[in-house]
Amino acid sequence: MKKNFILIASLLVMITLVTGCGKKAELKDGSEVAVSVKGGKITATEYYESIKVNNISKIIDTIDHKLFDKKYKTTDDEEKEVKEQIDQIKANYGSNEDTYTQVLRQYFGVETEEELKEVLSLEYKRNEAVEDYIKDHLTDKEIKKYYDENIYGDVKASHILITLNVKDDATDEEKAEAEEAALKKANEVISKLNDGEDFKKLAKKYSDDEKTATNGGDLGYFSYDDMLEEFSEATKKLKKDEYTKEPIKTELGYHIILKTGEKSKPKLSKVKKDIQETLKEQKLQDDSTLYYTTLAKIREENKIKWNDDALKKAYNDYMDDLVEAAKKSASSTN
């Protein structure tokens, strides 16, 4: 496969083909004999025509090497990632050398581990290129919208936690009873707060969070990302010195939350890179085809010119197949 691809690349750019014995054959019009067999000859053009479509992925690899190798130099992080992937493949198949070799051929189209490194290295650079492209094409409106709706300053809060008093091997009925009891107790605590009783005193008396109960339930300042989602969402809705009027259920039990302080959110300039990273991840997660369509855009913007209509069609068909495969994969996991 590798040797075939070298010949294709040579034909495309009309460079000199060096034979194994050191002789040179100038590829002028493609009529030169590439292989002689008993009873006939195979010209370079005939050979090229017979393999060009089936080897389209190899040509794409060469294109991407030219696009990405200079811009994305090999780093320690890349080498570490490639090594970890190879180690994982070996862990699954490496105990049997024949099986390992078969896996390299069947799934990666290579014969040796060194060639596998090249494949994984290129894929790493493609990922970098795709991620950079997506981040570079985020609009200021998108970034500002995320900033306004999702960026907060650190918040300070206290809570009273009522846990479910139930054993791990409890029956469904026992679990339901324990949850009902915990919810009832949490609502009783909220009633006491509504009657004007002190939050700190109630936390010391009723909270099952031993680490904070002695301090009146004080959690100190924290980022919303540090807390369970249900807890964070409930706290966001509170004003300073306001508590939740209904118990907030999380995997830990039922919480009564009191917001006691909130810092100003950081300036947009300080969190812009983090926002870009988050939005990039969201876009890739929401659109299973984005990786491939972005690669296609990058190549298009680098003005790739196909001087062979069959190759161009093979490329378009190949990319369409990747996009469809991504869609099917996403739908099967949803």
Protein backbone atom coordinates (compact mmCIF):
# COMPACT_ATOMS: atom_id res chain seq x y z
CA MET A 1 0.00 0.00 0.00
CA LYS A 2 2.79 2.36 0.86
CA LYS A 3 4.72 1.70 -2.34
CA ASN A 4 1.58 2.04 -4.45
CA PHE A 5 0.85 5.38 -2.86
CA ILE A 6 4.34 6.68 -3.55
CA LEU A 7 3.84 5.91 -7.23
CA ILE A 8 0.49 7.71 -7.26
CA ALA A 9 1.94 10.78 -5.62
CA SER A 10 4.78 10.79 -8.11
CA LEU A 11 2.40 10.65 -11.04
CA LEU A 12 0.28 13.46 -9.67
CA VAL A 13 3.12 15.92 -9.24
CA MET A 14 5.12 14.63 -12.23
CA ILE A 15 8.33 14.12 -10.34
CA THR A 16 11.08 11.61 -11.07
CA LEU A 17 10.38 8.03 -10.04
CA VAL A 18 13.44 6.28 -8.66
CA THR A 19 13.41 2.53 -9.17
CA GLY A 20 14.69 0.03 -6.63
CA CYS A 21 17.87 -0.57 -8.59
CA GLY A 22 18.74 3.11 -8.78
CA LYS A 23 17.52 3.74 -12.33
CA LYS A 24 15.28 6.70 -13.11
CA ALA A 25 12.21 6.67 -15.34
CA GLU A 26 10.96 10.11 -16.35
CA LEU A 27 7.15 10.08 -16.30
CA LYS A 28 6.35 12.32 -19.22
CA ASP A 29 3.02 11.23 -20.65
CA GLY A 30 2.31 8.11 -18.59
CA SER A 31 3.04 5.68 -21.42
CA GLU A 32 6.25 4.45 -19.84
CA VAL A 33 6.23 0.81 -18.85
CA ALA A 34 5.88 0.36 -15.11
CA VAL A 35 5.86 -3.45 -15.13
CA SER A 36 6.64 -6.05 -17.80
CA VAL A 37 5.07 -9.47 -17.66
CA LYS A 38 5.15 -12.45 -19.94
CA GLY A 39 2.82 -11.66 -22.80
CA GLY A 40 2.31 -8.00 -22.03
CA LYS A 41 3.26 -4.72 -20.40
CA ILE A 42 1.63 -2.41 -17.87
CA THR A 43 2.17 1.31 -18.36
CA ALA A 44 2.36 3.81 -15.53
CA THR A 45 -1.00 5.22 -16.62
CA GLU A 46 -2.66 1.81 -16.59
CA TYR A 47 -1.34 1.11 -13.12
CA TYR A 48 -2.36 4.54 -11.90
CA GLU A 49 -5.88 4.16 -13.31
CA SER A 50 -6.30 0.77 -11.65
CA ILE A 51 -5.46 1.91 -8.14
CA LYS A 52 -6.11 5.65 -7.84
CA VAL A 53 -9.70 5.49 -6.58
CA ASN A 54 -9.11 2.66 -4.12
CA ASN A 55 -6.17 4.56 -2.65
CA ILE A 56 -7.94 7.88 -2.16
CA SER A 57 -7.36 7.79 1.60
CA LYS A 58 -3.61 7.70 1.01
CA ILE A 59 -3.76 10.80 -1.17
CA ILE A 60 -5.82 12.55 1.50
CA ASP A 61 -3.14 11.63 4.05
CA THR A 62 -0.49 13.25 1.86
CA ILE A 63 -2.60 16.38 1.43
CA ASP A 64 -3.09 16.68 5.17
CA HIS A 65 0.60 16.11 5.88
CA LYS A 66 1.35 19.09 3.65
CA LEU A 67 -1.34 21.17 5.36
CA PHE A 68 -0.62 20.31 8.97
CA ASP A 69 2.94 19.03 9.50
CA LYS A 70 4.58 22.46 9.41
CA LYS A 71 1.87 24.24 11.38
CA TYR A 72 1.56 21.58 14.08
CA LYS A 73 4.99 20.43 15.10
CA THR A 74 5.25 17.18 17.00
CA THR A 75 5.13 17.87 20.73
CA ASP A 76 5.65 15.85 23.88
CA ASP A 77 1.87 15.76 24.33
CA GLU A 78 1.43 14.30 20.87
CA GLU A 79 4.08 11.65 21.40
CA LYS A 80 2.54 10.75 24.75
CA GLU A 81 -0.93 10.43 23.22
CA VAL A 82 0.33 8.30 20.33
CA LYS A 83 2.22 6.03 22.72
CA GLU A 84 -0.83 5.59 24.94
CA GLN A 85 -2.96 4.62 21.95
CA ILE A 86 -0.39 2.09 20.74
CA ASP A 87 -0.05 0.68 24.25
CA GLN A 88 -3.83 0.27 24.38
CA ILE A 89 -3.86 -1.55 21.04
CA LYS A 90 -1.07 -3.81 22.25
CA ALA A 91 -2.93 -4.49 25.49
CA ASN A 92 -5.88 -5.70 23.45
CA TYR A 93 -4.09 -7.56 20.66
CA GLY A 94 -0.33 -7.44 21.23
CA SER A 95 -0.03 -10.75 23.04
CA ASN A 96 -0.38 -12.51 19.70
CA GLU A 97 1.97 -11.10 17.08
CA ASP A 98 -0.04 -12.46 14.15
CA THR A 99 -3.26 -10.95 15.51
CA TYR A 100 -1.51 -7.65 16.19
CA THR A 101 -0.17 -7.52 12.63
CA GLN A 102 -3.61 -8.35 11.26
CA VAL A 103 -5.16 -5.54 13.29
CA LEU A 104 -2.59 -3.08 11.94
CA ARG A 105 -3.41 -4.10 8.38
CA GLN A 106 -7.18 -4.35 8.72
CA TYR A 107 -7.95 -1.28 10.81
CA PHE A 108 -5.05 1.05 10.09
CA GLY A 109 -3.81 -0.06 6.67
CA VAL A 110 -0.18 -0.33 7.81
CA GLU A 111 2.38 -3.10 8.09
CA THR A 112 4.57 -1.90 10.95
CA GLU A 113 4.28 -0.12 14.26
CA GLU A 114 6.38 2.74 12.90
CA GLU A 115 3.80 3.28 10.17
CA LEU A 116 1.08 3.13 12.81
CA LYS A 117 2.80 5.96 14.67
CA GLU A 118 2.64 8.05 11.51
CA VAL A 119 -1.07 7.36 11.14
CA LEU A 120 -1.84 8.28 14.75
CA SER A 121 0.41 11.32 14.59
CA LEU A 122 -1.45 12.65 11.56
CA GLU A 123 -4.77 12.04 13.27
CA TYR A 124 -3.54 13.99 16.30
CA LYS A 125 -2.60 16.93 14.05
CA ARG A 126 -5.96 16.73 12.29
CA ASN A 127 -7.68 17.00 15.66
CA GLU A 128 -5.61 20.07 16.51
CA ALA A 129 -6.47 21.65 13.16
CA VAL A 130 -10.19 20.95 13.53
CA GLU A 131 -10.33 22.30 17.09
CA ASP A 132 -8.40 25.46 16.16
CA TYR A 133 -10.64 26.05 13.15
CA ILE A 134 -13.81 25.73 15.21
CA LYS A 135 -12.51 28.06 17.91
CA ASP A 136 -11.25 30.60 15.36
CA HIS A 137 -14.68 30.70 13.71
CA LEU A 138 -16.69 31.26 16.86
CA THR A 139 -18.48 34.61 16.66
CA ASP A 140 -18.20 37.34 19.27
CA LYS A 141 -21.97 37.02 19.68
CA GLU A 142 -21.69 33.33 20.57
CA ILE A 143 -18.91 33.98 23.06
CA LYS A 144 -20.73 36.93 24.67
CA LYS A 145 -23.97 34.96 24.95
CA TYR A 146 -22.20 32.11 26.74
CA TYR A 147 -20.45 34.63 29.00
CA ASP A 148 -23.70 36.33 29.96
CA GLU A 149 -25.61 33.10 30.58
CA ASN A 150 -23.02 30.76 32.04
CA ILE A 151 -20.15 32.64 33.68
CA TYR A 152 -20.51 33.48 37.34
CA GLY A 153 -18.29 34.68 40.12
CA ASP A 154 -17.55 32.35 43.01
CA VAL A 155 -20.45 32.01 45.40
CA LYS A 156 -20.68 31.45 49.14
CA ALA A 157 -23.45 29.34 50.64
CA SER A 158 -24.49 27.22 53.59
CA HIS A 159 -26.62 24.13 53.51
CA ILE A 160 -28.52 21.69 55.67
CA LEU A 161 -28.31 18.16 54.32
CA ILE A 162 -30.89 15.51 55.14
CA THR A 163 -29.68 12.09 53.98
CA LEU A 164 -31.71 8.98 53.35
CA ASN A 165 -31.30 6.71 56.35
CA VAL A 166 -31.31 3.41 54.46
CA LYS A 167 -29.01 0.42 54.04
CA ASP A 168 -27.43 -0.51 50.70
CA ASP A 169 -29.33 -3.80 50.57
CA ALA A 170 -32.68 -2.21 51.38
CA THR A 171 -35.74 -3.17 49.38
CA ASP A 172 -37.41 -0.71 47.00
CA GLU A 173 -40.17 -0.24 49.53
CA GLU A 174 -37.69 0.55 52.31
CA LYS A 175 -35.89 3.02 50.05
CA ALA A 176 -39.15 4.75 49.19
CA GLU A 177 -40.04 5.03 52.87
CA ALA A 178 -36.59 6.44 53.70
CA GLU A 179 -36.86 9.02 50.94
CA GLU A 180 -40.30 10.05 52.09
CA ALA A 181 -39.03 10.47 55.66
CA ALA A 182 -36.03 12.54 54.53
CA LEU A 183 -38.21 14.80 52.41
CA LYS A 184 -40.63 15.28 55.27
CA LYS A 185 -37.79 16.21 57.63
CA ALA A 186 -36.34 18.67 55.10
CA ASN A 187 -39.70 20.36 54.70
CA GLU A 188 -40.03 20.61 58.49
CA VAL A 189 -36.66 22.41 58.62
CA ILE A 190 -37.83 24.85 55.91
CA SER A 191 -41.00 25.50 57.94
CA LYS A 192 -38.82 26.41 60.92
CA LEU A 193 -36.83 28.81 58.72
CA ASN A 194 -40.10 30.35 57.51
CA ASP A 195 -41.01 30.88 61.16
CA GLY A 196 -37.81 32.88 61.64
CA GLU A 197 -35.53 30.32 63.27
CA ASP A 198 -31.78 30.75 62.74
CA PHE A 199 -30.24 28.84 59.83
CA LYS A 200 -26.95 28.16 61.64
CA LYS A 201 -28.66 26.70 64.67
CA LEU A 202 -30.87 24.50 62.52
CA ALA A 203 -27.83 23.28 60.56
CA LYS A 204 -26.05 22.30 63.74
CA LYS A 205 -29.12 20.44 64.93
CA TYR A 206 -30.42 18.76 61.76
CA SER A 207 -27.72 18.62 59.07
CA ASP A 208 -26.23 15.20 58.30
CA ASP A 209 -23.15 16.82 56.71
CA GLU A 210 -20.77 16.37 59.63
CA LYS A 211 -18.03 18.48 58.02
CA THR A 212 -20.14 21.63 57.84
CA ALA A 213 -22.84 21.15 60.49
CA THR A 214 -20.65 22.44 63.32
CA ASN A 215 -20.04 25.65 61.33
CA GLY A 216 -23.72 26.23 60.73
CA GLY A 217 -23.60 24.54 57.33
CA ASP A 218 -21.05 27.01 55.90
CA LEU A 219 -19.51 25.73 52.64
CA GLY A 220 -17.35 28.79 52.07
CA TYR A 221 -16.76 30.18 48.58
CA PHE A 222 -16.91 27.77 45.65
CA SER A 223 -17.34 27.63 41.90
CA TYR A 224 -20.61 26.33 40.57
CA ASP A 225 -18.66 23.74 38.62
CA ASP A 226 -17.42 22.28 41.89
CA MET A 227 -20.89 21.30 43.05
CA LEU A 228 -23.49 18.78 41.93
CA GLU A 229 -25.56 20.16 39.08
CA GLU A 230 -28.86 20.25 40.99
CA PHE A 231 -27.19 22.05 43.89
CA SER A 232 -25.53 24.62 41.61
CA GLU A 233 -28.66 25.33 39.56
CA ALA A 234 -30.69 25.93 42.71
CA THR A 235 -28.03 28.23 44.19
CA LYS A 236 -27.83 30.31 40.98
CA LYS A 237 -31.49 31.22 41.35
CA LEU A 238 -31.08 32.52 44.90
CA LYS A 239 -30.43 36.11 45.87
CA LYS A 240 -27.97 36.87 48.65
CA ASP A 241 -29.38 35.87 52.09
CA GLU A 242 -32.18 33.90 50.45
CA TYR A 243 -32.75 30.17 51.03
CA THR A 244 -34.47 27.51 48.96
CA LYS A 245 -38.18 27.27 49.74
CA GLU A 246 -38.25 23.62 48.65
CA PRO A 247 -35.75 20.84 49.39
CA ILE A 248 -33.21 20.30 46.60
CA LYS A 249 -32.65 16.64 45.83
CA THR A 250 -29.20 15.34 44.80
CA GLU A 251 -27.54 11.95 45.00
CA LEU A 252 -26.53 12.87 48.56
CA GLY A 253 -30.06 13.48 49.82
CA TYR A 254 -32.13 16.65 50.33
CA HIS A 255 -30.52 20.09 50.75
CA ILE A 256 -31.78 23.37 52.11
CA ILE A 257 -29.45 26.01 50.67
CA LEU A 258 -28.76 29.53 51.91
CA LYS A 259 -26.77 31.87 49.63
CA THR A 260 -24.58 34.09 51.79
CA GLY A 261 -22.31 35.82 49.28
CA GLU A 262 -21.35 36.15 45.62
CA LYS A 263 -18.28 37.61 43.94
CA SER A 264 -18.33 39.54 40.66
CA LYS A 265 -17.83 37.43 37.56
CA PRO A 266 -14.38 37.64 35.90
CA LYS A 267 -13.96 39.91 32.89
CA LEU A 268 -14.70 38.40 29.50
CA SER A 269 -11.08 38.83 28.40
CA LYS A 270 -9.90 36.59 31.24
CA VAL A 271 -12.25 33.71 30.49
CA LYS A 272 -12.54 34.02 26.70
CA LYS A 273 -10.16 31.14 25.98
CA ASP A 274 -12.00 28.89 28.41
CA ILE A 275 -15.31 29.80 26.78
CA GLN A 276 -13.91 29.06 23.32
CA GLU A 277 -12.72 25.68 24.54
CA THR A 278 -16.11 24.88 26.06
CA LEU A 279 -18.07 25.97 22.98
CA LYS A 280 -15.75 23.97 20.74
CA GLU A 281 -16.37 20.84 22.79
CA GLN A 282 -20.11 21.47 22.75
CA LYS A 283 -20.18 21.86 18.97
CA LEU A 284 -18.21 18.67 18.40
CA GLN A 285 -20.46 16.80 20.82
CA ASP A 286 -23.69 18.17 19.34
CA ASP A 287 -22.72 17.52 15.70
CA SER A 288 -21.20 14.11 15.00
CA THR A 289 -20.26 15.17 11.45
CA LEU A 290 -18.49 18.41 12.39
CA TYR A 291 -15.04 16.84 12.55
CA TYR A 292 -15.20 15.68 8.93
CA THR A 293 -16.99 18.71 7.52
CA THR A 294 -14.42 20.96 9.19
CA LEU A 295 -11.54 19.03 7.65
CA ALA A 296 -13.25 19.43 4.27
CA LYS A 297 -13.54 23.20 4.82
CA ILE A 298 -9.88 23.48 5.77
CA ARG A 299 -8.83 21.66 2.61
CA GLU A 300 -11.20 23.74 0.51
CA GLU A 301 -9.84 26.98 1.93
CA ASN A 302 -6.33 25.83 1.06
CA LYS A 303 -7.45 25.74 -2.59
CA ILE A 304 -6.77 22.11 -3.38
CA LYS A 305 -7.00 21.64 -7.14
CA TRP A 306 -7.92 18.22 -8.46
CA ASN A 307 -6.45 17.67 -11.90
CA ASP A 308 -8.22 14.34 -12.21
CA ASP A 309 -12.02 14.25 -12.16
CA ALA A 310 -12.11 10.63 -11.01
CA LEU A 311 -9.90 11.48 -8.04
CA LYS A 312 -12.08 14.46 -7.16
CA LYS A 313 -15.21 12.29 -7.26
CA ALA A 314 -13.50 9.60 -5.20
CA TYR A 315 -12.57 12.22 -2.60
CA ASN A 316 -16.11 13.62 -2.41
CA ASP A 317 -17.59 10.13 -2.16
CA TYR A 318 -15.06 9.20 0.54
CA MET A 319 -15.92 12.26 2.64
CA ASP A 320 -19.66 11.69 2.15
CA ASP A 321 -19.23 8.12 3.40
CA LEU A 322 -17.39 9.35 6.51
CA VAL A 323 -20.14 11.85 7.26
CA GLU A 324 -22.88 9.23 6.85
CA ALA A 325 -20.96 6.76 9.03
CA ALA A 326 -20.66 9.44 11.74
CA LYS A 327 -24.40 10.08 11.60
CA LYS A 328 -25.22 6.39 11.92
CA SER A 329 -22.77 5.96 14.77
CA ALA A 330 -24.30 8.90 16.63
CA SER A 331 -27.87 7.69 16.11
CA SER A 332 -27.01 4.19 17.33
CA THR A 333 -25.61 5.54 20.62
CA ASN A 334 -28.52 7.89 21.30
